[in-house]
Each structure stands twice: as C-alpha cells, then as structure tokens.
Amino acid sequence: MSSKYKVIWASVAEKDLKNIIEYIAEESPQNALKILTKIRQNASGLYTLPERGRIVSELKDQGILLYRELIIAPWRLIYRISGQEIFVLSVIDSRRNVEDVLLKRFIDKE
C-alpha cells in the first residue's frame, strides 16, 4: 500500500494560478476552466507519488536539490516534499525566464 501525502498550496502559488487563470479567462473563460482543472488535477495527483516530478534543473545547477516540478505545458508547477506533506510553491509560465523567477523566489529570500 502506498503512502498518502497531503498537498498544500502556498499563497504565492495560489496567486500564480489565479493570475494565470484570470489572464486566460479574458479571452476564453472555458479554456481557463479547463486549464485550472488540469493544473489542479496534476497537483492533486502528487499525493500518491510525489517523486514523479523531476528536480528543477535551474536550481539543481545551483546545488539546490529540494525542489521538484511537474511540467503542465506551458507551465511548471514547482513543489517541495517535506515529510508527508507536499508544498506547491509556484506555478510559472515556462516561456518566461524561469531561472530568474526561481532564483528570486527561492534564493534571494535568505
């Protein structure tokens, strides 16, 4: 029997998702709903197999191995596993300079 994890969304990740969905909804509310459902379902699926996401390559290059990601094209859902909890930390459009966004969020906070 596999372990179950609890998926917790950080407020900044909720804000990321809200901004994405609101932007898409301006052109297509139906498409925005489909994308919201797709992202939420992918995140919820982490509760049974959190290691399925890869280590974030931009952070790995900096020696930071704590963060994983799911690719839900064109978005990258960044998360961290801590015990039996999975913290969703960001949802980033991969067409942006992802390295700058990640380094600003995860390294500059020190």
N, C-alpha and C. Protein backbone atom coordinates (compact mmCIF):
# COMPACT_ATOMS: atom_id res chain seq x y z
N MET A 1 0.85 -1.20 0.00
CA MET A 1 0.00 0.00 0.00
C MET A 1 0.88 1.25 0.00
N SER A 2 0.60 2.18 -0.86
CA SER A 2 1.42 3.38 -0.96
C SER A 2 1.03 4.41 0.09
N SER A 3 2.01 5.23 0.46
CA SER A 3 1.76 6.31 1.41
C SER A 3 0.95 7.41 0.76
N LYS A 4 0.19 8.09 1.57
CA LYS A 4 -0.58 9.23 1.07
C LYS A 4 0.05 10.50 1.63
N TYR A 5 0.18 11.46 0.78
CA TYR A 5 0.75 12.75 1.15
C TYR A 5 -0.35 13.80 1.11
N LYS A 6 -0.15 14.86 1.86
CA LYS A 6 -1.08 15.98 1.84
C LYS A 6 -0.50 17.07 0.95
N VAL A 7 -1.28 17.54 -0.02
CA VAL A 7 -0.85 18.60 -0.93
C VAL A 7 -1.34 19.94 -0.39
N ILE A 8 -0.40 20.85 -0.15
CA ILE A 8 -0.70 22.16 0.41
C ILE A 8 -0.20 23.24 -0.56
N TRP A 9 -1.07 24.16 -0.89
CA TRP A 9 -0.71 25.25 -1.80
C TRP A 9 -0.24 26.46 -1.00
N ALA A 10 0.95 26.95 -1.28
CA ALA A 10 1.44 28.20 -0.68
C ALA A 10 0.64 29.36 -1.28
N SER A 11 0.52 30.43 -0.53
CA SER A 11 -0.27 31.57 -1.01
C SER A 11 0.29 32.15 -2.31
N VAL A 12 1.61 32.15 -2.46
CA VAL A 12 2.20 32.68 -3.69
C VAL A 12 1.85 31.79 -4.89
N ALA A 13 1.77 30.49 -4.68
CA ALA A 13 1.38 29.57 -5.76
C ALA A 13 -0.09 29.77 -6.12
N GLU A 14 -0.92 29.97 -5.10
CA GLU A 14 -2.34 30.26 -5.36
C GLU A 14 -2.47 31.54 -6.18
N LYS A 15 -1.65 32.53 -5.84
CA LYS A 15 -1.68 33.80 -6.57
C LYS A 15 -1.21 33.60 -8.01
N ASP A 16 -0.15 32.81 -8.19
CA ASP A 16 0.32 32.49 -9.54
C ASP A 16 -0.81 31.89 -10.37
N LEU A 17 -1.46 30.90 -9.80
CA LEU A 17 -2.53 30.20 -10.51
C LEU A 17 -3.70 31.15 -10.82
N LYS A 18 -4.06 31.95 -9.85
CA LYS A 18 -5.15 32.92 -10.04
C LYS A 18 -4.82 33.88 -11.18
N ASN A 19 -3.58 34.37 -11.21
CA ASN A 19 -3.18 35.30 -12.27
C ASN A 19 -3.22 34.64 -13.65
N ILE A 20 -2.77 33.40 -13.72
CA ILE A 20 -2.79 32.66 -14.99
C ILE A 20 -4.23 32.50 -15.48
N ILE A 21 -5.09 32.04 -14.58
CA ILE A 21 -6.47 31.76 -14.95
C ILE A 21 -7.21 33.04 -15.33
N GLU A 22 -7.00 34.10 -14.58
CA GLU A 22 -7.66 35.37 -14.90
C GLU A 22 -7.22 35.89 -16.27
N TYR A 23 -5.94 35.76 -16.57
CA TYR A 23 -5.42 36.22 -17.86
C TYR A 23 -6.06 35.43 -19.00
N ILE A 24 -6.11 34.12 -18.86
CA ILE A 24 -6.69 33.28 -19.91
C ILE A 24 -8.20 33.52 -20.03
N ALA A 25 -8.85 33.75 -18.91
CA ALA A 25 -10.31 33.95 -18.91
C ALA A 25 -10.72 35.21 -19.65
N GLU A 26 -9.82 36.18 -19.76
CA GLU A 26 -10.14 37.39 -20.52
C GLU A 26 -10.49 37.05 -21.97
N GLU A 27 -9.82 36.05 -22.51
CA GLU A 27 -10.05 35.63 -23.90
C GLU A 27 -11.01 34.45 -23.99
N SER A 28 -10.91 33.53 -23.02
CA SER A 28 -11.70 32.30 -23.11
C SER A 28 -11.97 31.73 -21.72
N PRO A 29 -13.10 32.07 -21.12
CA PRO A 29 -13.43 31.51 -19.81
C PRO A 29 -13.47 29.98 -19.80
N GLN A 30 -13.94 29.39 -20.89
CA GLN A 30 -14.00 27.92 -20.95
C GLN A 30 -12.60 27.32 -20.93
N ASN A 31 -11.69 27.90 -21.68
CA ASN A 31 -10.32 27.42 -21.70
C ASN A 31 -9.66 27.61 -20.34
N ALA A 32 -9.95 28.72 -19.69
CA ALA A 32 -9.40 28.98 -18.35
C ALA A 32 -9.85 27.90 -17.37
N LEU A 33 -11.11 27.51 -17.44
CA LEU A 33 -11.62 26.46 -16.55
C LEU A 33 -10.93 25.13 -16.83
N LYS A 34 -10.73 24.81 -18.10
CA LYS A 34 -10.05 23.56 -18.46
C LYS A 34 -8.63 23.54 -17.93
N ILE A 35 -7.94 24.66 -18.06
CA ILE A 35 -6.55 24.75 -17.59
C ILE A 35 -6.49 24.68 -16.07
N LEU A 36 -7.40 25.36 -15.40
CA LEU A 36 -7.45 25.29 -13.94
C LEU A 36 -7.64 23.85 -13.49
N THR A 37 -8.57 23.16 -14.10
CA THR A 37 -8.84 21.76 -13.76
C THR A 37 -7.61 20.90 -14.00
N LYS A 38 -6.96 21.10 -15.13
CA LYS A 38 -5.77 20.31 -15.48
C LYS A 38 -4.65 20.52 -14.46
N ILE A 39 -4.38 21.77 -14.10
CA ILE A 39 -3.31 22.06 -13.14
C ILE A 39 -3.66 21.51 -11.77
N ARG A 40 -4.89 21.72 -11.32
CA ARG A 40 -5.31 21.21 -10.01
C ARG A 40 -5.25 19.68 -9.95
N GLN A 41 -5.69 19.01 -11.00
CA GLN A 41 -5.65 17.55 -11.03
C GLN A 41 -4.23 17.03 -10.98
N ASN A 42 -3.33 17.65 -11.73
CA ASN A 42 -1.93 17.24 -11.70
C ASN A 42 -1.33 17.43 -10.31
N ALA A 43 -1.63 18.55 -9.68
CA ALA A 43 -1.12 18.81 -8.33
C ALA A 43 -1.70 17.81 -7.34
N SER A 44 -2.98 17.54 -7.44
CA SER A 44 -3.62 16.59 -6.52
C SER A 44 -3.06 15.19 -6.68
N GLY A 45 -2.66 14.83 -7.89
CA GLY A 45 -2.08 13.52 -8.14
C GLY A 45 -0.77 13.28 -7.42
N LEU A 46 -0.15 14.34 -6.94
CA LEU A 46 1.11 14.19 -6.21
C LEU A 46 0.93 13.47 -4.88
N TYR A 47 -0.29 13.43 -4.37
CA TYR A 47 -0.49 12.85 -3.04
C TYR A 47 -0.15 11.38 -2.98
N THR A 48 -0.11 10.69 -4.10
CA THR A 48 0.26 9.27 -4.07
C THR A 48 1.67 9.02 -4.60
N LEU A 49 2.19 9.91 -5.43
CA LEU A 49 3.52 9.68 -6.00
C LEU A 49 4.25 11.01 -6.19
N PRO A 50 4.69 11.62 -5.09
CA PRO A 50 5.30 12.94 -5.19
C PRO A 50 6.65 12.96 -5.90
N GLU A 51 7.34 11.85 -5.92
CA GLU A 51 8.66 11.81 -6.55
C GLU A 51 8.59 11.78 -8.08
N ARG A 52 7.39 11.74 -8.63
CA ARG A 52 7.27 11.65 -10.09
C ARG A 52 7.78 12.91 -10.79
N GLY A 53 7.78 14.01 -10.11
CA GLY A 53 8.31 15.24 -10.70
C GLY A 53 9.83 15.24 -10.67
N ARG A 54 10.42 15.92 -11.63
CA ARG A 54 11.88 15.98 -11.68
C ARG A 54 12.40 17.12 -10.80
N ILE A 55 13.67 17.02 -10.44
CA ILE A 55 14.31 18.12 -9.71
C ILE A 55 14.41 19.30 -10.67
N VAL A 56 14.13 20.49 -10.18
CA VAL A 56 14.15 21.69 -11.02
C VAL A 56 15.58 21.94 -11.50
N SER A 57 15.77 21.86 -12.81
CA SER A 57 17.12 21.90 -13.37
C SER A 57 17.85 23.21 -13.08
N GLU A 58 17.15 24.34 -13.13
CA GLU A 58 17.80 25.62 -12.87
C GLU A 58 18.32 25.72 -11.44
N LEU A 59 17.61 25.11 -10.51
CA LEU A 59 18.06 25.11 -9.12
C LEU A 59 19.11 24.03 -8.89
N LYS A 60 18.96 22.91 -9.57
CA LYS A 60 19.95 21.83 -9.47
C LYS A 60 21.32 22.36 -9.88
N ASP A 61 21.36 23.19 -10.92
CA ASP A 61 22.62 23.79 -11.37
C ASP A 61 23.26 24.65 -10.28
N GLN A 62 22.46 25.13 -9.34
CA GLN A 62 22.95 25.94 -8.22
C GLN A 62 23.21 25.08 -6.98
N GLY A 63 23.06 23.76 -7.11
CA GLY A 63 23.28 22.85 -5.99
C GLY A 63 22.08 22.71 -5.07
N ILE A 64 20.92 23.18 -5.51
CA ILE A 64 19.70 23.12 -4.70
C ILE A 64 18.85 21.97 -5.22
N LEU A 65 18.68 20.95 -4.38
CA LEU A 65 18.01 19.72 -4.82
C LEU A 65 16.67 19.48 -4.13
N LEU A 66 16.19 20.43 -3.37
CA LEU A 66 14.97 20.26 -2.58
C LEU A 66 13.68 20.44 -3.37
N TYR A 67 13.77 21.06 -4.53
CA TYR A 67 12.57 21.44 -5.26
C TYR A 67 12.37 20.56 -6.49
N ARG A 68 11.12 20.18 -6.70
CA ARG A 68 10.74 19.35 -7.85
C ARG A 68 9.71 20.11 -8.67
N GLU A 69 9.46 19.59 -9.87
CA GLU A 69 8.47 20.25 -10.72
C GLU A 69 7.71 19.24 -11.56
N LEU A 70 6.49 19.61 -11.83
CA LEU A 70 5.68 18.93 -12.83
C LEU A 70 5.55 19.88 -14.00
N ILE A 71 5.72 19.34 -15.18
CA ILE A 71 5.52 20.14 -16.39
C ILE A 71 4.07 19.94 -16.83
N ILE A 72 3.33 21.02 -16.85
CA ILE A 72 1.95 21.03 -17.33
C ILE A 72 1.96 22.13 -18.40
N ALA A 73 2.49 21.75 -19.55
CA ALA A 73 2.85 22.72 -20.60
C ALA A 73 1.76 23.74 -20.86
N PRO A 74 2.14 25.02 -20.92
CA PRO A 74 3.49 25.56 -20.83
C PRO A 74 3.90 25.96 -19.41
N TRP A 75 3.22 25.47 -18.41
CA TRP A 75 3.50 25.86 -17.03
C TRP A 75 4.35 24.82 -16.32
N ARG A 76 5.04 25.31 -15.32
CA ARG A 76 5.85 24.46 -14.46
C ARG A 76 5.35 24.64 -13.04
N LEU A 77 4.89 23.56 -12.44
CA LEU A 77 4.40 23.57 -11.07
C LEU A 77 5.56 23.15 -10.18
N ILE A 78 6.04 24.06 -9.35
CA ILE A 78 7.20 23.83 -8.50
C ILE A 78 6.71 23.46 -7.11
N TYR A 79 7.30 22.39 -6.55
CA TYR A 79 6.87 21.94 -5.23
C TYR A 79 8.04 21.37 -4.44
N ARG A 80 7.79 21.17 -3.16
CA ARG A 80 8.79 20.59 -2.26
C ARG A 80 8.10 19.54 -1.40
N ILE A 81 8.78 18.43 -1.21
CA ILE A 81 8.28 17.37 -0.34
C ILE A 81 8.92 17.55 1.03
N SER A 82 8.09 17.54 2.06
CA SER A 82 8.58 17.64 3.43
C SER A 82 7.78 16.67 4.29
N GLY A 83 8.42 15.55 4.64
CA GLY A 83 7.71 14.52 5.39
C GLY A 83 6.58 13.97 4.56
N GLN A 84 5.38 14.02 5.09
CA GLN A 84 4.19 13.53 4.39
C GLN A 84 3.40 14.66 3.74
N GLU A 85 4.04 15.82 3.62
CA GLU A 85 3.38 16.97 3.02
C GLU A 85 4.10 17.41 1.75
N ILE A 86 3.33 17.87 0.80
CA ILE A 86 3.85 18.41 -0.45
C ILE A 86 3.40 19.86 -0.52
N PHE A 87 4.36 20.74 -0.61
CA PHE A 87 4.06 22.16 -0.68
C PHE A 87 4.21 22.65 -2.11
N VAL A 88 3.10 23.06 -2.72
CA VAL A 88 3.14 23.65 -4.05
C VAL A 88 3.56 25.11 -3.84
N LEU A 89 4.68 25.48 -4.46
CA LEU A 89 5.30 26.77 -4.18
C LEU A 89 5.13 27.80 -5.29
N SER A 90 5.01 27.34 -6.52
CA SER A 90 4.91 28.27 -7.66
C SER A 90 4.28 27.57 -8.85
N VAL A 91 3.61 28.35 -9.66
CA VAL A 91 3.18 27.91 -10.98
C VAL A 91 3.70 28.99 -11.93
N ILE A 92 4.67 28.61 -12.76
CA ILE A 92 5.39 29.57 -13.58
C ILE A 92 5.21 29.22 -15.05
N ASP A 93 4.98 30.24 -15.85
CA ASP A 93 4.92 30.06 -17.30
C ASP A 93 6.34 29.81 -17.79
N SER A 94 6.57 28.67 -18.41
CA SER A 94 7.92 28.30 -18.84
C SER A 94 8.44 29.17 -19.98
N ARG A 95 7.59 29.99 -20.55
CA ARG A 95 8.04 30.91 -21.59
C ARG A 95 8.73 32.14 -21.01
N ARG A 96 8.60 32.30 -19.70
CA ARG A 96 9.32 33.37 -19.00
C ARG A 96 10.73 32.90 -18.70
N ASN A 97 11.56 33.81 -18.21
CA ASN A 97 12.90 33.41 -17.77
C ASN A 97 12.73 32.74 -16.41
N VAL A 98 12.54 31.44 -16.45
CA VAL A 98 12.21 30.67 -15.26
C VAL A 98 13.33 30.74 -14.23
N GLU A 99 14.56 30.71 -14.69
CA GLU A 99 15.69 30.75 -13.75
C GLU A 99 15.66 32.01 -12.90
N ASP A 100 15.41 33.16 -13.52
CA ASP A 100 15.34 34.41 -12.76
C ASP A 100 14.21 34.39 -11.73
N VAL A 101 13.05 33.90 -12.14
CA VAL A 101 11.91 33.83 -11.23
C VAL A 101 12.23 32.93 -10.04
N LEU A 102 12.76 31.75 -10.32
CA LEU A 102 13.06 30.79 -9.26
C LEU A 102 14.14 31.30 -8.32
N LEU A 103 15.20 31.82 -8.87
CA LEU A 103 16.28 32.31 -8.02
C LEU A 103 15.81 33.45 -7.14
N LYS A 104 14.97 34.31 -7.69
CA LYS A 104 14.45 35.42 -6.89
C LYS A 104 13.56 34.91 -5.76
N ARG A 105 12.73 33.93 -6.05
CA ARG A 105 11.81 33.41 -5.03
C ARG A 105 12.49 32.53 -4.00
N PHE A 106 13.41 31.67 -4.43
CA PHE A 106 13.94 30.65 -3.53
C PHE A 106 15.31 30.94 -2.97
N ILE A 107 16.07 31.83 -3.58
CA ILE A 107 17.41 32.10 -3.08
C ILE A 107 17.49 33.48 -2.45
N ASP A 108 16.92 34.48 -3.08
CA ASP A 108 17.03 35.85 -2.58
C ASP A 108 16.31 36.08 -1.26
N LYS A 109 15.51 35.11 -0.81
CA LYS A 109 14.76 35.28 0.43
C LYS A 109 15.63 35.07 1.66
N GLU A 110 16.86 34.60 1.47
CA GLU A 110 17.75 34.31 2.61
C GLU A 110 18.18 35.58 3.30
